[in-house]
């Protein structure tokens, strides 16, 4: 299947402001692109790219004073399969984990493992290790937090979400991956495009957040917000939590003036 995805974001800066943007899809999906990713800025602004410590593609630019619009669009091939469910996938003992996984056992800006460790073991410690335990964590988080766009807050941590019981997809992800880390299961934060392919239209299109958990020697997708397999995930970036991979990191004040995201199936390139 073919998926068209993109975004249009407008910000207002009171002065020239350096930006780092994480809006391009992860390079692992580069071979699946059927039309190249296109980026336009209005007004036209010079940009450069680099890769961060987590391997994500980042774009640098200096926004002029006033309005700046970032517009991107592309079409990608997807196999159309639901996220796999692997009930026999095993946890890996900490001593046997690859070195690169150890970072994802640690606490981070939004994931206070020290504050939630006891709760994690009380809630999930008796569940047999493996896929089932991670799924039990996602089931709990999905029930425990009420989704509410109006309650979004950039400073809410996993501990806050646990106590406030409200949030958006990033809060679901932060709480679930924190519980995993407390139980010595590596877990990382993911953001990207996720349309409504195969499900009823419920919410306005937006960038989404989910998690990947290291089980049986590979990173596995879990989604505590939706808590069901989905079609057509398009990864943009991965990190320890949302602080590592903001869509726009501005080194100065700005005001968001416009935000639009699209992700939908098309039949062929002529229908774009």
Protein backbone atom coordinates (compact mmCIF):
# COMPACT_ATOMS: atom_id res chain seq x y z
CA UNK A 1 0.00 0.00 0.00
CA UNK A 2 0.99 3.65 -0.46
CA UNK A 3 0.73 6.26 2.28
CA UNK A 4 0.98 9.98 1.75
CA UNK A 5 2.17 11.90 4.78
CA UNK A 6 3.24 15.41 5.57
CA UNK A 7 2.89 18.49 7.73
CA UNK A 8 2.46 22.26 7.67
CA UNK A 9 3.71 24.12 10.75
CA UNK A 10 3.77 27.89 11.18
CA UNK A 11 5.56 29.68 14.00
CA UNK A 12 6.05 33.35 14.86
CA UNK A 13 9.45 34.43 16.20
CA UNK A 14 10.03 37.90 17.69
CA UNK A 15 13.62 37.79 16.45
CA UNK A 16 15.96 35.59 14.41
CA UNK A 17 15.87 32.23 16.18
CA UNK A 18 18.00 29.10 15.57
CA UNK A 19 15.91 25.93 15.25
CA UNK A 20 16.61 22.21 15.19
CA UNK A 21 13.74 20.23 13.65
CA UNK A 22 13.09 16.49 13.72
CA UNK A 23 10.47 16.14 11.00
CA UNK A 24 12.09 13.85 8.42
CA UNK A 25 11.34 10.13 8.56
CA UNK A 26 13.98 7.81 9.96
CA UNK A 27 16.54 6.72 7.38
CA UNK A 28 15.60 3.05 7.90
CA UNK A 29 12.52 3.74 5.76
CA UNK A 30 14.43 5.57 3.03
CA UNK A 31 14.20 2.67 0.58
CA UNK A 32 10.40 2.67 0.95
CA UNK A 33 9.93 6.24 -0.28
CA UNK A 34 8.08 6.42 -3.58
CA UNK A 35 8.37 10.19 -3.86
CA UNK A 36 11.22 12.03 -2.15
CA UNK A 37 10.55 13.95 1.02
CA UNK A 38 10.02 17.57 0.04
CA UNK A 39 10.57 20.48 2.40
CA UNK A 40 9.61 24.08 1.71
CA UNK A 41 10.04 27.02 4.03
CA UNK A 42 8.17 30.30 3.68
CA UNK A 43 10.03 32.59 3.53
CA UNK A 44 12.78 30.58 1.87
CA UNK A 45 15.42 29.74 4.47
CA UNK A 46 18.73 27.88 4.23
CA UNK A 47 18.79 24.54 6.07
CA UNK A 48 21.41 21.87 6.80
CA UNK A 49 21.09 18.37 8.24
CA UNK A 50 23.00 16.21 10.70
CA UNK A 51 22.44 13.02 12.71
CA UNK A 52 22.08 13.18 16.47
CA UNK A 53 23.40 10.73 19.09
CA UNK A 54 20.41 8.44 18.52
CA UNK A 55 20.80 8.29 14.73
CA UNK A 56 17.89 10.60 13.96
CA UNK A 57 18.00 13.07 11.06
CA UNK A 58 17.91 16.65 12.32
CA UNK A 59 17.52 19.83 10.29
CA UNK A 60 19.14 23.11 11.35
CA UNK A 61 18.01 26.54 10.30
CA UNK A 62 17.69 30.09 11.56
CA UNK A 63 14.10 31.31 11.51
CA UNK A 64 13.73 34.96 10.49
CA UNK A 65 11.87 37.40 12.69
CA UNK A 66 8.15 37.04 12.04
CA UNK A 67 6.23 34.15 10.53
CA UNK A 68 7.93 30.98 9.27
CA UNK A 69 6.10 28.05 7.71
CA UNK A 70 7.62 24.58 7.37
CA UNK A 71 5.86 22.36 4.82
CA UNK A 72 6.85 18.77 4.09
CA UNK A 73 5.28 15.98 2.04
CA UNK A 74 6.13 12.52 0.64
CA UNK A 75 4.68 9.16 -0.30
CA UNK A 76 5.95 5.91 1.18
CA UNK A 77 5.34 2.21 0.54
CA UNK A 78 4.05 0.20 3.51
CA UNK A 79 3.41 -3.54 3.68
CA UNK A 80 -0.03 -2.89 5.15
CA UNK A 81 0.49 -5.36 7.97
CA UNK A 82 -0.62 -4.81 11.55
CA UNK A 83 2.01 -4.43 14.26
CA UNK A 84 3.19 -7.97 15.05
CA UNK A 85 2.18 -9.70 18.29
CA UNK A 86 4.80 -12.14 19.62
CA UNK A 87 3.44 -13.65 22.84
CA UNK A 88 6.48 -15.93 23.26
CA UNK A 89 9.05 -13.11 23.04
CA UNK A 90 11.31 -13.29 26.09
CA UNK A 91 12.92 -10.67 28.28
CA UNK A 92 16.72 -10.61 28.20
CA UNK A 93 18.65 -10.57 31.47
CA UNK A 94 20.47 -7.31 32.07
CA UNK A 95 23.85 -9.06 32.07
CA UNK A 96 23.14 -10.38 28.56
CA UNK A 97 21.80 -7.19 26.97
CA UNK A 98 23.73 -5.51 24.15
CA UNK A 99 25.65 -2.46 25.36
CA UNK A 100 23.48 -0.09 23.35
CA UNK A 101 20.37 -1.18 25.27
CA UNK A 102 21.66 -0.16 28.69
CA UNK A 103 20.90 3.52 28.09
CA UNK A 104 17.23 2.62 27.82
CA UNK A 105 17.17 1.15 31.33
CA UNK A 106 18.04 4.48 32.93
CA UNK A 107 15.84 7.27 34.21
CA UNK A 108 15.54 10.34 31.98
CA UNK A 109 13.95 13.80 31.90
CA UNK A 110 10.35 12.61 31.73
CA UNK A 111 10.82 9.08 33.06
CA UNK A 112 11.57 9.02 36.80
CA UNK A 113 12.41 5.41 37.44
CA UNK A 114 13.36 6.24 41.04
CA UNK A 115 9.85 7.51 41.81
CA UNK A 116 7.97 4.70 40.08
CA UNK A 117 10.12 1.65 40.81
CA UNK A 118 8.10 0.45 43.80
CA UNK A 119 4.80 0.95 41.99
CA UNK A 120 6.12 -0.99 38.98
CA UNK A 121 7.14 -3.98 41.06
CA UNK A 122 3.93 -3.89 43.09
CA UNK A 123 1.79 -3.81 39.96
CA UNK A 124 3.72 -6.07 37.58
CA UNK A 125 6.41 -7.91 39.50
CA UNK A 126 4.34 -11.09 39.87
CA UNK A 127 3.53 -11.31 36.15
CA UNK A 128 5.75 -13.78 34.25
CA UNK A 129 8.52 -11.96 32.33
CA UNK A 130 8.22 -11.46 28.61
CA UNK A 131 5.74 -10.10 26.10
CA UNK A 132 2.79 -10.68 28.42
CA UNK A 133 4.25 -8.51 31.14
CA UNK A 134 4.90 -5.62 28.76
CA UNK A 135 1.38 -5.97 27.40
CA UNK A 136 0.04 -5.91 30.97
CA UNK A 137 1.88 -2.61 31.48
CA UNK A 138 0.30 -1.16 28.34
CA UNK A 139 -3.14 -2.43 29.39
CA UNK A 140 -2.77 -0.74 32.77
CA UNK A 141 -1.55 2.56 31.32
CA UNK A 142 -4.33 2.57 28.72
CA UNK A 143 -6.93 2.19 31.49
CA UNK A 144 -5.21 4.42 34.02
CA UNK A 145 -4.81 7.57 31.88
CA UNK A 146 -7.69 9.42 30.25
CA UNK A 147 -6.79 10.90 26.87
CA UNK A 148 -7.53 14.62 26.66
CA UNK A 149 -5.96 17.05 24.18
CA UNK A 150 -7.11 19.94 26.34
CA UNK A 151 -4.99 18.65 29.23
CA UNK A 152 -1.71 18.48 27.28
CA UNK A 153 1.24 19.92 29.19
CA UNK A 154 4.87 19.96 28.08
CA UNK A 155 6.18 19.59 31.64
CA UNK A 156 4.14 16.50 32.60
CA UNK A 157 6.39 13.58 33.54
CA UNK A 158 5.61 9.88 33.88
CA UNK A 159 5.21 10.33 37.63
CA UNK A 160 2.82 13.23 37.05
CA UNK A 161 0.80 11.19 34.55
CA UNK A 162 0.58 8.30 37.03
CA UNK A 163 -0.85 10.61 39.69
CA UNK A 164 -2.94 12.95 37.50
CA UNK A 165 -4.37 10.11 35.36
CA UNK A 166 -4.78 12.33 32.31
CA UNK A 167 -2.64 13.15 29.29
CA UNK A 168 -1.91 12.73 25.60
CA UNK A 169 -0.03 10.03 23.67
CA UNK A 170 3.40 11.15 24.93
CA UNK A 171 2.21 10.74 28.54
CA UNK A 172 0.96 7.21 27.86
CA UNK A 173 4.34 6.41 26.29
CA UNK A 174 6.37 7.94 29.12
CA UNK A 175 4.52 6.05 31.83
CA UNK A 176 4.66 2.69 30.04
CA UNK A 177 8.35 2.89 29.19
CA UNK A 178 9.18 4.03 32.74
CA UNK A 179 7.43 0.98 34.18
CA UNK A 180 9.38 -1.21 31.73
CA UNK A 181 12.70 0.33 32.75
CA UNK A 182 11.85 -0.12 36.43
CA UNK A 183 11.46 -3.85 35.70
CA UNK A 184 14.84 -3.97 33.88
CA UNK A 185 13.29 -4.09 30.41
CA UNK A 186 14.89 -1.67 27.92
CA UNK A 187 12.32 0.71 26.45
CA UNK A 188 12.63 3.74 24.20
CA UNK A 189 10.37 6.57 23.08
CA UNK A 190 9.27 6.85 19.43
CA UNK A 191 7.43 9.53 17.53
CA UNK A 192 6.15 9.55 13.98
CA UNK A 193 3.16 9.51 11.68
CA UNK A 194 0.23 7.21 12.42
CA UNK A 195 -2.92 7.71 10.40
CA UNK A 196 -6.34 6.13 10.82
CA UNK A 197 -5.83 3.34 8.28
CA UNK A 198 -8.00 0.39 9.26
CA UNK A 199 -9.68 2.15 12.20
CA UNK A 200 -12.54 4.64 12.59
CA UNK A 201 -11.58 8.31 12.51
CA UNK A 202 -11.52 9.38 16.15
CA UNK A 203 -9.10 12.28 16.61
CA UNK A 204 -7.64 15.00 14.37
CA UNK A 205 -4.47 13.86 12.63
CA UNK A 206 -1.35 14.57 14.65
CA UNK A 207 2.15 13.29 15.18
CA UNK A 208 1.96 10.26 17.46
CA UNK A 209 4.12 8.76 20.20
CA UNK A 210 4.55 5.09 21.08
CA UNK A 211 7.29 2.89 22.53
CA UNK A 212 9.68 0.15 21.48
CA UNK A 213 10.70 -2.52 23.97
CA UNK A 214 13.71 -4.84 23.65
CA UNK A 215 12.49 -8.45 23.79
CA UNK A 216 14.05 -11.61 22.37
CA UNK A 217 16.93 -9.72 20.80
CA UNK A 218 14.99 -7.05 18.90
CA UNK A 219 13.00 -3.87 19.42
CA UNK A 220 9.23 -4.54 19.49
CA UNK A 221 6.45 -1.99 18.99
CA UNK A 222 3.91 -1.32 21.73
CA UNK A 223 1.35 1.47 21.80
CA UNK A 224 -0.12 2.16 25.26
CA UNK A 225 -2.28 5.00 23.92
CA UNK A 226 -4.14 2.99 21.27
CA UNK A 227 -3.28 -0.40 22.78
CA UNK A 228 -4.05 -2.36 19.66
CA UNK A 229 -2.04 -3.29 16.56
CA UNK A 230 -2.14 -0.59 13.90
CA UNK A 231 -1.25 -0.27 10.22
CA UNK A 232 1.19 2.21 8.72
CA UNK A 233 3.48 3.50 11.45
CA UNK A 234 6.13 5.83 10.00
CA UNK A 235 8.94 6.44 12.47
CA UNK A 236 10.52 9.89 12.60
CA UNK A 237 12.78 9.65 15.64
CA UNK A 238 13.72 7.61 18.70
CA UNK A 239 15.18 8.64 22.03
CA UNK A 240 15.03 8.17 25.78
CA UNK A 241 11.91 10.33 26.01
CA UNK A 242 10.27 13.37 24.40
CA UNK A 243 13.05 15.69 25.56
CA UNK A 244 15.47 13.97 23.16
CA UNK A 245 13.30 14.28 20.06
CA UNK A 246 11.11 17.40 20.01
CA UNK A 247 9.62 18.14 16.61
CA UNK A 248 10.99 21.68 16.87
CA UNK A 249 13.66 22.74 19.34
CA UNK A 250 13.95 26.54 19.29
CA UNK A 251 16.82 28.44 20.86
CA UNK A 252 14.65 31.43 21.63
CA UNK A 253 10.93 32.20 22.03
CA UNK A 254 8.35 31.36 19.39
CA UNK A 255 4.57 31.08 19.19
CA UNK A 256 2.85 28.25 17.31
CA UNK A 257 0.44 29.82 14.81
CA UNK A 258 -0.54 26.89 12.62
CA UNK A 259 -0.28 23.10 12.78
CA UNK A 260 -1.56 20.57 10.26
CA UNK A 261 -0.58 16.93 9.72
CA UNK A 262 -1.79 14.41 7.13
CA UNK A 263 -1.33 10.65 6.84
CA UNK A 264 -3.61 8.66 4.54
CA UNK A 265 -3.65 5.80 2.07
CA UNK A 266 -3.60 6.51 -1.66
CA UNK A 267 -4.20 4.06 -4.50
CA UNK A 268 -1.36 5.20 -6.75
CA UNK A 269 0.94 8.16 -7.23
CA UNK A 270 -1.47 9.78 -9.67
CA UNK A 271 -4.03 10.27 -6.86
CA UNK A 272 -1.80 12.58 -4.82
